[in-house]
């Protein structure tokens, strides 16, 4: 990824184009997202930290970056994001470990 700050700046533009070209895919996904990621038995913050964990585990850089931002926006602390990433390393080993610099870069880019 060229730059985390560039990602955060450009992602909405790219998704606006996707919305225009593929409204059914966006509508279906966003409906599922909204129904799943609201407060329930788990808080939004907890769900975002889980989503971050899965993004790290499957090595999806856009997922990692978006769920770090969403977790922070939902009230997660820098320490909670870092601890979440450490749990992924404990469970997954090297593939999670090599993404730790991206986690720190994202936290710095969003000022957390």
PDB file of N, CA and C in Angstrom:
ATOM      1  N   UNK A   1       0.855  -1.166   0.000  1.00  0.00           N
ATOM      2  CA  UNK A   1       0.000   0.000   0.000  1.00  0.00           C
ATOM      3  C   UNK A   1       0.905   1.234   0.000  1.00  0.00           C
ATOM      4  N   UNK A   2       0.647   2.155  -0.905  1.00  0.00           N
ATOM      5  CA  UNK A   2       1.551   3.287  -1.068  1.00  0.00           C
ATOM      6  C   UNK A   2       1.572   4.193   0.153  1.00  0.00           C
ATOM      7  N   UNK A   3       0.440   4.509   0.683  1.00  0.00           N
ATOM      8  CA  UNK A   3       0.398   5.395   1.839  1.00  0.00           C
ATOM      9  C   UNK A   3      -0.945   5.227   2.544  1.00  0.00           C
ATOM     10  N   UNK A   4      -0.870   5.075   3.837  1.00  0.00           N
ATOM     11  CA  UNK A   4      -2.100   4.946   4.607  1.00  0.00           C
ATOM     12  C   UNK A   4      -2.928   6.219   4.503  1.00  0.00           C
ATOM     13  N   UNK A   5      -2.280   7.364   4.579  1.00  0.00           N
ATOM     14  CA  UNK A   5      -3.023   8.627   4.459  1.00  0.00           C
ATOM     15  C   UNK A   5      -3.706   8.734   3.097  1.00  0.00           C
ATOM     16  N   UNK A   6      -3.017   8.289   2.034  1.00  0.00           N
ATOM     17  CA  UNK A   6      -3.627   8.295   0.702  1.00  0.00           C
ATOM     18  C   UNK A   6      -4.831   7.359   0.659  1.00  0.00           C
ATOM     19  N   UNK A   7      -4.701   6.204   1.301  1.00  0.00           N
ATOM     20  CA  UNK A   7      -5.825   5.272   1.340  1.00  0.00           C
ATOM     21  C   UNK A   7      -7.038   5.941   1.961  1.00  0.00           C
ATOM     22  N   UNK A   8      -6.855   6.535   3.147  1.00  0.00           N
ATOM     23  CA  UNK A   8      -7.979   7.171   3.826  1.00  0.00           C
ATOM     24  C   UNK A   8      -8.574   8.304   2.990  1.00  0.00           C
ATOM     25  N   UNK A   9      -7.740   9.010   2.244  1.00  0.00           N
ATOM     26  CA  UNK A   9      -8.232  10.109   1.404  1.00  0.00           C
ATOM     27  C   UNK A   9      -8.963   9.595   0.162  1.00  0.00           C
ATOM     28  N   UNK A  10      -8.483   8.490  -0.428  1.00  0.00           N
ATOM     29  CA  UNK A  10      -9.003   8.034  -1.714  1.00  0.00           C
ATOM     30  C   UNK A  10     -10.081   6.961  -1.631  1.00  0.00           C
ATOM     31  N   UNK A  11     -10.175   6.242  -0.535  1.00  0.00           N
ATOM     32  CA  UNK A  11     -11.144   5.153  -0.445  1.00  0.00           C
ATOM     33  C   UNK A  11     -12.573   5.618  -0.709  1.00  0.00           C
ATOM     34  N   UNK A  12     -13.022   6.712  -0.100  1.00  0.00           N
ATOM     35  CA  UNK A  12     -14.414   7.141  -0.373  1.00  0.00           C
ATOM     36  C   UNK A  12     -14.666   7.436  -1.851  1.00  0.00           C
ATOM     37  N   UNK A  13     -13.681   8.007  -2.544  1.00  0.00           N
ATOM     38  CA  UNK A  13     -13.843   8.298  -3.972  1.00  0.00           C
ATOM     39  C   UNK A  13     -13.998   7.008  -4.771  1.00  0.00           C
ATOM     40  N   UNK A  14     -13.168   6.022  -4.437  1.00  0.00           N
ATOM     41  CA  UNK A  14     -13.244   4.743  -5.138  1.00  0.00           C
ATOM     42  C   UNK A  14     -14.569   4.049  -4.896  1.00  0.00           C
ATOM     43  N   UNK A  15     -15.058   4.123  -3.662  1.00  0.00           N
ATOM     44  CA  UNK A  15     -16.324   3.466  -3.350  1.00  0.00           C
ATOM     45  C   UNK A  15     -17.505   4.208  -3.970  1.00  0.00           C
ATOM     46  N   UNK A  16     -17.390   5.504  -4.169  1.00  0.00           N
ATOM     47  CA  UNK A  16     -18.464   6.248  -4.850  1.00  0.00           C
ATOM     48  C   UNK A  16     -18.593   5.758  -6.290  1.00  0.00           C
ATOM     49  N   UNK A  17     -17.469   5.479  -6.918  1.00  0.00           N
ATOM     50  CA  UNK A  17     -17.481   4.946  -8.286  1.00  0.00           C
ATOM     51  C   UNK A  17     -18.095   3.543  -8.301  1.00  0.00           C
ATOM     52  N   UNK A  18     -17.739   2.733  -7.320  1.00  0.00           N
ATOM     53  CA  UNK A  18     -18.316   1.396  -7.220  1.00  0.00           C
ATOM     54  C   UNK A  18     -19.829   1.500  -7.027  1.00  0.00           C
ATOM     55  N   UNK A  19     -20.272   2.416  -6.175  1.00  0.00           N
ATOM     56  CA  UNK A  19     -21.709   2.622  -5.938  1.00  0.00           C
ATOM     57  C   UNK A  19     -22.429   2.928  -7.240  1.00  0.00           C
ATOM     58  N   UNK A  20     -21.820   3.758  -8.064  1.00  0.00           N
ATOM     59  CA  UNK A  20     -22.440   4.146  -9.336  1.00  0.00           C
ATOM     60  C   UNK A  20     -22.485   2.965 -10.300  1.00  0.00           C
ATOM     61  N   UNK A  21     -21.395   2.221 -10.389  1.00  0.00           N
ATOM     62  CA  UNK A  21     -21.288   1.135 -11.366  1.00  0.00           C
ATOM     63  C   UNK A  21     -21.927  -0.174 -10.895  1.00  0.00           C
ATOM     64  N   UNK A  22     -21.960  -0.400  -9.585  1.00  0.00           N
ATOM     65  CA  UNK A  22     -22.451  -1.676  -9.046  1.00  0.00           C
ATOM     66  C   UNK A  22     -23.381  -1.458  -7.852  1.00  0.00           C
ATOM     67  N   UNK A  23     -24.486  -0.764  -8.049  1.00  0.00           N
ATOM     68  CA  UNK A  23     -25.344  -0.421  -6.919  1.00  0.00           C
ATOM     69  C   UNK A  23     -25.930  -1.641  -6.193  1.00  0.00           C
ATOM     70  N   UNK A  24     -26.196  -2.709  -6.894  1.00  0.00           N
ATOM     71  CA  UNK A  24     -26.764  -3.886  -6.232  1.00  0.00           C
ATOM     72  C   UNK A  24     -25.767  -4.514  -5.268  1.00  0.00           C
ATOM     73  N   UNK A  25     -24.510  -4.610  -5.681  1.00  0.00           N
ATOM     74  CA  UNK A  25     -23.481  -5.184  -4.802  1.00  0.00           C
ATOM     75  C   UNK A  25     -23.301  -4.309  -3.565  1.00  0.00           C
ATOM     76  N   UNK A  26     -23.233  -3.008  -3.770  1.00  0.00           N
ATOM     77  CA  UNK A  26     -23.047  -2.080  -2.651  1.00  0.00           C
ATOM     78  C   UNK A  26     -24.262  -2.118  -1.733  1.00  0.00           C
ATOM     79  N   UNK A  27     -25.440  -2.080  -2.306  1.00  0.00           N
ATOM     80  CA  UNK A  27     -26.655  -2.096  -1.500  1.00  0.00           C
ATOM     81  C   UNK A  27     -26.776  -3.372  -0.674  1.00  0.00           C
ATOM     82  N   UNK A  28     -26.482  -4.502  -1.275  1.00  0.00           N
ATOM     83  CA  UNK A  28     -26.548  -5.761  -0.546  1.00  0.00           C
ATOM     84  C   UNK A  28     -25.543  -5.829   0.580  1.00  0.00           C
ATOM     85  N   UNK A  29     -24.310  -5.449   0.270  1.00  0.00           N
ATOM     86  CA  UNK A  29     -23.267  -5.497   1.300  1.00  0.00           C
ATOM     87  C   UNK A  29     -23.554  -4.504   2.415  1.00  0.00           C
ATOM     88  N   UNK A  30     -23.935  -3.283   2.058  1.00  0.00           N
ATOM     89  CA  UNK A  30     -24.163  -2.266   3.079  1.00  0.00           C
ATOM     90  C   UNK A  30     -25.374  -2.611   3.955  1.00  0.00           C
ATOM     91  N   UNK A  31     -26.377  -3.259   3.387  1.00  0.00           N
ATOM     92  CA  UNK A  31     -27.505  -3.701   4.196  1.00  0.00           C
ATOM     93  C   UNK A  31     -27.059  -4.702   5.247  1.00  0.00           C
ATOM     94  N   UNK A  32     -26.249  -5.678   4.833  1.00  0.00           N
ATOM     95  CA  UNK A  32     -25.708  -6.663   5.772  1.00  0.00           C
ATOM     96  C   UNK A  32     -24.828  -5.981   6.806  1.00  0.00           C
ATOM     97  N   UNK A  33     -23.973  -5.066   6.352  1.00  0.00           N
ATOM     98  CA  UNK A  33     -23.076  -4.357   7.258  1.00  0.00           C
ATOM     99  C   UNK A  33     -23.864  -3.602   8.324  1.00  0.00           C
ATOM    100  N   UNK A  34     -24.853  -2.844   7.900  1.00  0.00           N
ATOM    101  CA  UNK A  34     -25.627  -2.025   8.841  1.00  0.00           C
ATOM    102  C   UNK A  34     -26.417  -2.881   9.822  1.00  0.00           C
ATOM    103  N   UNK A  35     -26.960  -3.995   9.363  1.00  0.00           N
ATOM    104  CA  UNK A  35     -27.721  -4.877  10.248  1.00  0.00           C
ATOM    105  C   UNK A  35     -26.816  -5.593  11.249  1.00  0.00           C
ATOM    106  N   UNK A  36     -25.582  -5.837  10.866  1.00  0.00           N
ATOM    107  CA  UNK A  36     -24.658  -6.610  11.701  1.00  0.00           C
ATOM    108  C   UNK A  36     -23.857  -5.734  12.653  1.00  0.00           C
ATOM    109  N   UNK A  37     -23.427  -4.577  12.202  1.00  0.00           N
ATOM    110  CA  UNK A  37     -22.414  -3.819  12.933  1.00  0.00           C
ATOM    111  C   UNK A  37     -22.968  -2.777  13.906  1.00  0.00           C
ATOM    112  N   UNK A  38     -24.249  -2.744  14.120  1.00  0.00           N
ATOM    113  CA  UNK A  38     -24.814  -1.846  15.122  1.00  0.00           C
ATOM    114  C   UNK A  38     -24.704  -2.447  16.515  1.00  0.00           C
ATOM    115  N   UNK A  39     -24.999  -1.632  17.525  1.00  0.00           N
ATOM    116  CA  UNK A  39     -24.998  -2.136  18.896  1.00  0.00           C
ATOM    117  C   UNK A  39     -25.994  -3.279  19.045  1.00  0.00           C
ATOM    118  N   UNK A  40     -25.611  -4.254  19.814  1.00  0.00           N
ATOM    119  CA  UNK A  40     -26.464  -5.399  20.131  1.00  0.00           C
ATOM    120  C   UNK A  40     -25.911  -6.017  21.396  1.00  0.00           C
ATOM    121  N   UNK A  41     -25.831  -7.336  21.425  1.00  0.00           N
ATOM    122  CA  UNK A  41     -25.207  -8.006  22.564  1.00  0.00           C
ATOM    123  C   UNK A  41     -23.740  -7.595  22.671  1.00  0.00           C
ATOM    124  N   UNK A  42     -23.141  -7.274  21.541  1.00  0.00           N
ATOM    125  CA  UNK A  42     -21.784  -6.705  21.491  1.00  0.00           C
ATOM    126  C   UNK A  42     -21.902  -5.242  21.081  1.00  0.00           C
ATOM    127  N   UNK A  43     -21.029  -4.416  21.622  1.00  0.00           N
ATOM    128  CA  UNK A  43     -21.017  -3.001  21.236  1.00  0.00           C
ATOM    129  C   UNK A  43     -20.393  -2.842  19.853  1.00  0.00           C
ATOM    130  N   UNK A  44     -20.630  -1.704  19.238  1.00  0.00           N
ATOM    131  CA  UNK A  44     -19.996  -1.403  17.949  1.00  0.00           C
ATOM    132  C   UNK A  44     -18.476  -1.495  18.092  1.00  0.00           C
ATOM    133  N   UNK A  45     -17.952  -0.966  19.180  1.00  0.00           N
ATOM    134  CA  UNK A  45     -16.500  -1.016  19.401  1.00  0.00           C
ATOM    135  C   UNK A  45     -16.004  -2.456  19.418  1.00  0.00           C
ATOM    136  N   UNK A  46     -16.690  -3.308  20.144  1.00  0.00           N
ATOM    137  CA  UNK A  46     -16.272  -4.719  20.203  1.00  0.00           C
ATOM    138  C   UNK A  46     -16.343  -5.370  18.830  1.00  0.00           C
ATOM    139  N   UNK A  47     -17.403  -5.086  18.091  1.00  0.00           N
ATOM    140  CA  UNK A  47     -17.549  -5.651  16.747  1.00  0.00           C
ATOM    141  C   UNK A  47     -16.451  -5.158  15.819  1.00  0.00           C
ATOM    142  N   UNK A  48     -16.087  -3.886  15.931  1.00  0.00           N
ATOM    143  CA  UNK A  48     -15.020  -3.356  15.075  1.00  0.00           C
ATOM    144  C   UNK A  48     -13.668  -3.988  15.425  1.00  0.00           C
ATOM    145  N   UNK A  49     -13.423  -4.241  16.685  1.00  0.00           N
ATOM    146  CA  UNK A  49     -12.170  -4.913  17.064  1.00  0.00           C
ATOM    147  C   UNK A  49     -12.155  -6.351  16.560  1.00  0.00           C
ATOM    148  N   UNK A  50     -13.293  -7.018  16.573  1.00  0.00           N
ATOM    149  CA  UNK A  50     -13.383  -8.364  15.996  1.00  0.00           C
ATOM    150  C   UNK A  50     -13.138  -8.298  14.496  1.00  0.00           C
ATOM    151  N   UNK A  51     -13.766  -7.337  13.824  1.00  0.00           N
ATOM    152  CA  UNK A  51     -13.572  -7.184  12.380  1.00  0.00           C
ATOM    153  C   UNK A  51     -12.109  -6.886  12.061  1.00  0.00           C
ATOM    154  N   UNK A  52     -11.466  -6.073  12.886  1.00  0.00           N
ATOM    155  CA  UNK A  52     -10.035  -5.809  12.710  1.00  0.00           C
ATOM    156  C   UNK A  52      -9.248  -7.108  12.823  1.00  0.00           C
ATOM    157  N   UNK A  53      -9.579  -7.916  13.805  1.00  0.00           N
ATOM    158  CA  UNK A  53      -8.885  -9.189  13.989  1.00  0.00           C
ATOM    159  C   UNK A  53      -9.004 -10.063  12.749  1.00  0.00           C
ATOM    160  N   UNK A  54     -10.192 -10.140  12.199  1.00  0.00           N
ATOM    161  CA  UNK A  54     -10.413 -10.964  11.008  1.00  0.00           C
ATOM    162  C   UNK A  54      -9.671 -10.369   9.816  1.00  0.00           C
ATOM    163  N   UNK A  55      -9.712  -9.044   9.671  1.00  0.00           N
ATOM    164  CA  UNK A  55      -8.965  -8.399   8.587  1.00  0.00           C
ATOM    165  C   UNK A  55      -7.484  -8.704   8.660  1.00  0.00           C
ATOM    166  N   UNK A  56      -6.935  -8.651   9.867  1.00  0.00           N
ATOM    167  CA  UNK A  56      -5.518  -8.999  10.044  1.00  0.00           C
ATOM    168  C   UNK A  56      -5.279 -10.472   9.717  1.00  0.00           C
ATOM    169  N   UNK A  57      -6.172 -11.344  10.182  1.00  0.00           N
ATOM    170  CA  UNK A  57      -5.991 -12.777   9.973  1.00  0.00           C
ATOM    171  C   UNK A  57      -6.035 -13.157   8.502  1.00  0.00           C
ATOM    172  N   UNK A  58      -6.883 -12.477   7.730  1.00  0.00           N
ATOM    173  CA  UNK A  58      -6.971 -12.809   6.304  1.00  0.00           C
ATOM    174  C   UNK A  58      -6.090 -11.908   5.443  1.00  0.00           C
ATOM    175  N   UNK A  59      -5.351 -10.999   6.108  1.00  0.00           N
ATOM    176  CA  UNK A  59      -4.383 -10.131   5.444  1.00  0.00           C
ATOM    177  C   UNK A  59      -5.018  -9.209   4.396  1.00  0.00           C
ATOM    178  N   UNK A  60      -6.164  -8.626   4.783  1.00  0.00           N
ATOM    179  CA  UNK A  60      -6.874  -7.682   3.916  1.00  0.00           C
ATOM    180  C   UNK A  60      -6.517  -6.268   4.363  1.00  0.00           C
ATOM    181  N   UNK A  61      -5.561  -5.639   3.673  1.00  0.00           N
ATOM    182  CA  UNK A  61      -5.101  -4.318   4.102  1.00  0.00           C
ATOM    183  C   UNK A  61      -6.205  -3.267   4.132  1.00  0.00           C
ATOM    184  N   UNK A  62      -7.078  -3.184   3.120  1.00  0.00           N
ATOM    185  CA  UNK A  62      -8.160  -2.200   3.239  1.00  0.00           C
ATOM    186  C   UNK A  62      -9.060  -2.484   4.444  1.00  0.00           C
ATOM    187  N   UNK A  63      -9.317  -3.768   4.733  1.00  0.00           N
ATOM    188  CA  UNK A  63     -10.140  -4.125   5.900  1.00  0.00           C
ATOM    189  C   UNK A  63      -9.449  -3.685   7.188  1.00  0.00           C
ATOM    190  N   UNK A  64      -8.152  -3.930   7.284  1.00  0.00           N
ATOM    191  CA  UNK A  64      -7.380  -3.543   8.463  1.00  0.00           C
ATOM    192  C   UNK A  64      -7.518  -2.038   8.686  1.00  0.00           C
ATOM    193  N   UNK A  65      -7.269  -1.271   7.646  1.00  0.00           N
ATOM    194  CA  UNK A  65      -7.280   0.187   7.766  1.00  0.00           C
ATOM    195  C   UNK A  65      -8.670   0.720   8.102  1.00  0.00           C
ATOM    196  N   UNK A  66      -9.695   0.193   7.444  1.00  0.00           N
ATOM    197  CA  UNK A  66     -11.043   0.691   7.705  1.00  0.00           C
ATOM    198  C   UNK A  66     -11.510   0.319   9.107  1.00  0.00           C
ATOM    199  N   UNK A  67     -11.204  -0.894   9.564  1.00  0.00           N
ATOM    200  CA  UNK A  67     -11.706  -1.295  10.873  1.00  0.00           C
ATOM    201  C   UNK A  67     -10.903  -0.681  12.018  1.00  0.00           C
ATOM    202  N   UNK A  68      -9.656  -0.313  11.776  1.00  0.00           N
ATOM    203  CA  UNK A  68      -8.941   0.472  12.787  1.00  0.00           C
ATOM    204  C   UNK A  68      -9.638   1.814  12.956  1.00  0.00           C
ATOM    205  N   UNK A  69      -9.914   2.480  11.852  1.00  0.00           N
ATOM    206  CA  UNK A  69     -10.576   3.794  11.928  1.00  0.00           C
ATOM    207  C   UNK A  69     -11.951   3.672  12.569  1.00  0.00           C
ATOM    208  N   UNK A  70     -12.721   2.690  12.149  1.00  0.00           N
ATOM    209  CA  UNK A  70     -14.060   2.515  12.702  1.00  0.00           C
ATOM    210  C   UNK A  70     -14.007   2.154  14.187  1.00  0.00           C
ATOM    211  N   UNK A  71     -13.018   1.359  14.589  1.00  0.00           N
ATOM    212  CA  UNK A  71     -12.876   1.017  16.012  1.00  0.00           C
ATOM    213  C   UNK A  71     -12.548   2.255  16.838  1.00  0.00           C
ATOM    214  N   UNK A  72     -11.623   3.063  16.353  1.00  0.00           N
ATOM    215  CA  UNK A  72     -11.273   4.304  17.055  1.00  0.00           C
ATOM    216  C   UNK A  72     -12.489   5.227  17.114  1.00  0.00           C
ATOM    217  N   UNK A  73     -13.194   5.363  15.986  1.00  0.00           N
ATOM    218  CA  UNK A  73     -14.389   6.211  15.949  1.00  0.00           C
ATOM    219  C   UNK A  73     -15.470   5.709  16.917  1.00  0.00           C
ATOM    220  N   UNK A  74     -15.483   4.388  17.167  1.00  0.00           N
ATOM    221  CA  UNK A  74     -16.480   3.801  18.074  1.00  0.00           C
ATOM    222  C   UNK A  74     -16.030   3.828  19.527  1.00  0.00           C
ATOM    223  N   UNK A  75     -14.857   4.434  19.781  1.00  0.00           N
ATOM    224  CA  UNK A  75     -14.411   4.596  21.161  1.00  0.00           C
ATOM    225  C   UNK A  75     -13.270   3.701  21.598  1.00  0.00           C
ATOM    226  N   UNK A  76     -12.755   2.866  20.700  1.00  0.00           N
ATOM    227  CA  UNK A  76     -11.602   2.043  21.070  1.00  0.00           C
ATOM    228  C   UNK A  76     -10.389   2.941  21.282  1.00  0.00           C
ATOM    229  N   UNK A  77      -9.528   2.540  22.191  1.00  0.00           N
ATOM    230  CA  UNK A  77      -8.295   3.275  22.418  1.00  0.00           C
ATOM    231  C   UNK A  77      -7.183   2.703  21.553  1.00  0.00           C
ATOM    232  N   UNK A  78      -6.130   3.462  21.408  1.00  0.00           N
ATOM    233  CA  UNK A  78      -4.937   2.986  20.709  1.00  0.00           C
ATOM    234  C   UNK A  78      -4.472   1.675  21.330  1.00  0.00           C
ATOM    235  N   UNK A  79      -4.482   1.611  22.656  1.00  0.00           N
ATOM    236  CA  UNK A  79      -4.020   0.418  23.362  1.00  0.00           C
ATOM    237  C   UNK A  79      -4.902  -0.783  23.059  1.00  0.00           C
ATOM    238  N   UNK A  80      -6.213  -0.578  22.925  1.00  0.00           N
ATOM    239  CA  UNK A  80      -7.115  -1.684  22.597  1.00  0.00           C
ATOM    240  C   UNK A  80      -6.867  -2.195  21.182  1.00  0.00           C
ATOM    241  N   UNK A  81      -6.603  -1.288  20.244  1.00  0.00           N
ATOM    242  CA  UNK A  81      -6.293  -1.707  18.876  1.00  0.00           C
ATOM    243  C   UNK A  81      -4.985  -2.498  18.862  1.00  0.00           C
ATOM    244  N   UNK A  82      -3.978  -2.002  19.560  1.00  0.00           N
ATOM    245  CA  UNK A  82      -2.687  -2.686  19.600  1.00  0.00           C
ATOM    246  C   UNK A  82      -2.841  -4.059  20.261  1.00  0.00           C
ATOM    247  N   UNK A  83      -3.582  -4.132  21.338  1.00  0.00           N
ATOM    248  CA  UNK A  83      -3.773  -5.421  22.012  1.00  0.00           C
ATOM    249  C   UNK A  83      -4.537  -6.402  21.122  1.00  0.00           C
ATOM    250  N   UNK A  84      -5.513  -5.898  20.388  1.00  0.00           N
ATOM    251  CA  UNK A  84      -6.237  -6.737  19.433  1.00  0.00           C
ATOM    252  C   UNK A  84      -5.271  -7.316  18.406  1.00  0.00           C
ATOM    253  N   UNK A  85      -4.381  -6.478  17.876  1.00  0.00           N
ATOM    254  CA  UNK A  85      -3.400  -6.943  16.897  1.00  0.00           C
ATOM    255  C   UNK A  85      -2.465  -7.991  17.513  1.00  0.00           C
ATOM    256  N   UNK A  86      -2.120  -7.812  18.766  1.00  0.00           N
ATOM    257  CA  UNK A  86      -1.241  -8.781  19.428  1.00  0.00           C
ATOM    258  C   UNK A  86      -1.928 -10.133  19.600  1.00  0.00           C
ATOM    259  N   UNK A  87      -3.235 -10.129  19.851  1.00  0.00           N
ATOM    260  CA  UNK A  87      -3.969 -11.393  19.952  1.00  0.00           C
ATOM    261  C   UNK A  87      -3.935 -12.115  18.609  1.00  0.00           C
ATOM    262  N   UNK A  88      -4.059 -11.372  17.518  1.00  0.00           N
ATOM    263  CA  UNK A  88      -3.988 -11.984  16.193  1.00  0.00           C
ATOM    264  C   UNK A  88      -2.628 -12.643  15.995  1.00  0.00           C
ATOM    265  N   UNK A  89      -1.565 -11.981  16.402  1.00  0.00           N
ATOM    266  CA  UNK A  89      -0.222 -12.565  16.275  1.00  0.00           C
ATOM    267  C   UNK A  89      -0.128 -13.845  17.097  1.00  0.00           C
ATOM    268  N   UNK A  90      -0.668 -13.816  18.302  1.00  0.00           N
ATOM    269  CA  UNK A  90      -0.629 -15.007  19.152  1.00  0.00           C
ATOM    270  C   UNK A  90      -1.367 -16.172  18.491  1.00  0.00           C
ATOM    271  N   UNK A  91      -2.493 -15.890  17.858  1.00  0.00           N
ATOM    272  CA  UNK A  91      -3.301 -16.940  17.241  1.00  0.00           C
ATOM    273  C   UNK A  91      -2.771 -17.355  15.872  1.00  0.00           C
ATOM    274  N   UNK A  92      -2.173 -16.433  15.134  1.00  0.00           N
ATOM    275  CA  UNK A  92      -1.828 -16.701  13.742  1.00  0.00           C
ATOM    276  C   UNK A  92      -0.332 -16.747  13.481  1.00  0.00           C
ATOM    277  N   UNK A  93       0.464 -16.092  14.301  1.00  0.00           N
ATOM    278  CA  UNK A  93       1.899 -16.094  14.091  1.00  0.00           C
ATOM    279  C   UNK A  93       2.337 -15.069  13.056  1.00  0.00           C
ATOM    280  N   UNK A  94       3.283 -15.477  12.240  1.00  0.00           N
ATOM    281  CA  UNK A  94       3.957 -14.589  11.294  1.00  0.00           C
ATOM    282  C   UNK A  94       3.077 -13.773  10.376  1.00  0.00           C
ATOM    283  N   UNK A  95       2.024 -14.358   9.745  1.00  0.00           N
ATOM    284  CA  UNK A  95       1.198 -13.551   8.860  1.00  0.00           C
ATOM    285  C   UNK A  95       0.538 -12.367   9.563  1.00  0.00           C
ATOM    286  N   UNK A  96       0.192 -12.507  10.825  1.00  0.00           N
ATOM    287  CA  UNK A  96      -0.332 -11.364  11.579  1.00  0.00           C
ATOM    288  C   UNK A  96       0.780 -10.423  11.997  1.00  0.00           C
ATOM    289  N   UNK A  97       1.905 -10.996  12.371  1.00  0.00           N
ATOM    290  CA  UNK A  97       3.053 -10.228  12.860  1.00  0.00           C
ATOM    291  C   UNK A  97       3.541  -9.216  11.825  1.00  0.00           C
ATOM    292  N   UNK A  98       3.611  -9.631  10.560  1.00  0.00           N
ATOM    293  CA  UNK A  98       4.158  -8.738   9.538  1.00  0.00           C
ATOM    294  C   UNK A  98       3.245  -7.560   9.222  1.00  0.00           C
ATOM    295  N   UNK A  99       2.010  -7.572   9.721  1.00  0.00           N
ATOM    296  CA  UNK A  99       1.099  -6.455   9.499  1.00  0.00           C
ATOM    297  C   UNK A  99       1.075  -5.464  10.666  1.00  0.00           C
ATOM    298  N   UNK A 100       1.836  -5.730  11.718  1.00  0.00           N
ATOM    299  CA  UNK A 100       1.856  -4.806  12.856  1.00  0.00           C
ATOM    300  C   UNK A 100       2.321  -3.399  12.480  1.00  0.00           C
ATOM    301  N   UNK A 101       3.328  -3.243  11.596  1.00  0.00           N
ATOM    302  CA  UNK A 101       3.691  -1.866  11.207  1.00  0.00           C
ATOM    303  C   UNK A 101       2.530  -1.122  10.541  1.00  0.00           C
ATOM    304  N   UNK A 102       1.697  -1.831   9.775  1.00  0.00           N
ATOM    305  CA  UNK A 102       0.539  -1.199   9.139  1.00  0.00           C
ATOM    306  C   UNK A 102      -0.448  -0.722  10.196  1.00  0.00           C
ATOM    307  N   UNK A 103      -0.622  -1.499  11.257  1.00  0.00           N
ATOM    308  CA  UNK A 103      -1.517  -1.099  12.350  1.00  0.00           C
ATOM    309  C   UNK A 103      -1.023   0.207  12.962  1.00  0.00           C
ATOM    310  N   UNK A 104       0.258   0.269  13.260  1.00  0.00           N
ATOM    311  CA  UNK A 104       0.810   1.490  13.864  1.00  0.00           C
ATOM    312  C   UNK A 104       0.731   2.678  12.904  1.00  0.00           C
ATOM    313  N   UNK A 105       1.006   2.437  11.632  1.00  0.00           N
ATOM    314  CA  UNK A 105       0.925   3.519  10.646  1.00  0.00           C
ATOM    315  C   UNK A 105      -0.499   4.058  10.543  1.00  0.00           C
ATOM    316  N   UNK A 106      -1.492   3.160  10.574  1.00  0.00           N
ATOM    317  CA  UNK A 106      -2.885   3.598  10.525  1.00  0.00           C
ATOM    318  C   UNK A 106      -3.254   4.416  11.756  1.00  0.00           C
ATOM    319  N   UNK A 107      -2.838   3.952  12.927  1.00  0.00           N
ATOM    320  CA  UNK A 107      -3.130   4.697  14.153  1.00  0.00           C
ATOM    321  C   UNK A 107      -2.520   6.095  14.100  1.00  0.00           C
ATOM    322  N   UNK A 108      -1.311   6.194  13.590  1.00  0.00           N
ATOM    323  CA  UNK A 108      -0.664   7.496  13.461  1.00  0.00           C
ATOM    324  C   UNK A 108      -1.368   8.363  12.439  1.00  0.00           C
ATOM    325  N   UNK A 109      -1.822   7.761  11.322  1.00  0.00           N
ATOM    326  CA  UNK A 109      -2.472   8.533  10.259  1.00  0.00           C
ATOM    327  C   UNK A 109      -3.797   9.141  10.723  1.00  0.00           C
ATOM    328  N   UNK A 110      -4.487   8.453  11.626  1.00  0.00           N
ATOM    329  CA  UNK A 110      -5.771   8.991  12.098  1.00  0.00           C
ATOM    330  C   UNK A 110      -5.631   9.726  13.432  1.00  0.00           C
ATOM    331  N   UNK A 111      -4.394   9.859  13.876  1.00  0.00           N
ATOM    332  CA  UNK A 111      -4.131  10.651  15.084  1.00  0.00           C
ATOM    333  C   UNK A 111      -4.492   9.955  16.377  1.00  0.00           C
ATOM    334  N   UNK A 112      -4.475   8.634  16.381  1.00  0.00           N
ATOM    335  CA  UNK A 112      -4.831   7.898  17.608  1.00  0.00           C
ATOM    336  C   UNK A 112      -3.578   7.479  18.354  1.00  0.00           C
TER     337      UNK A 112
END
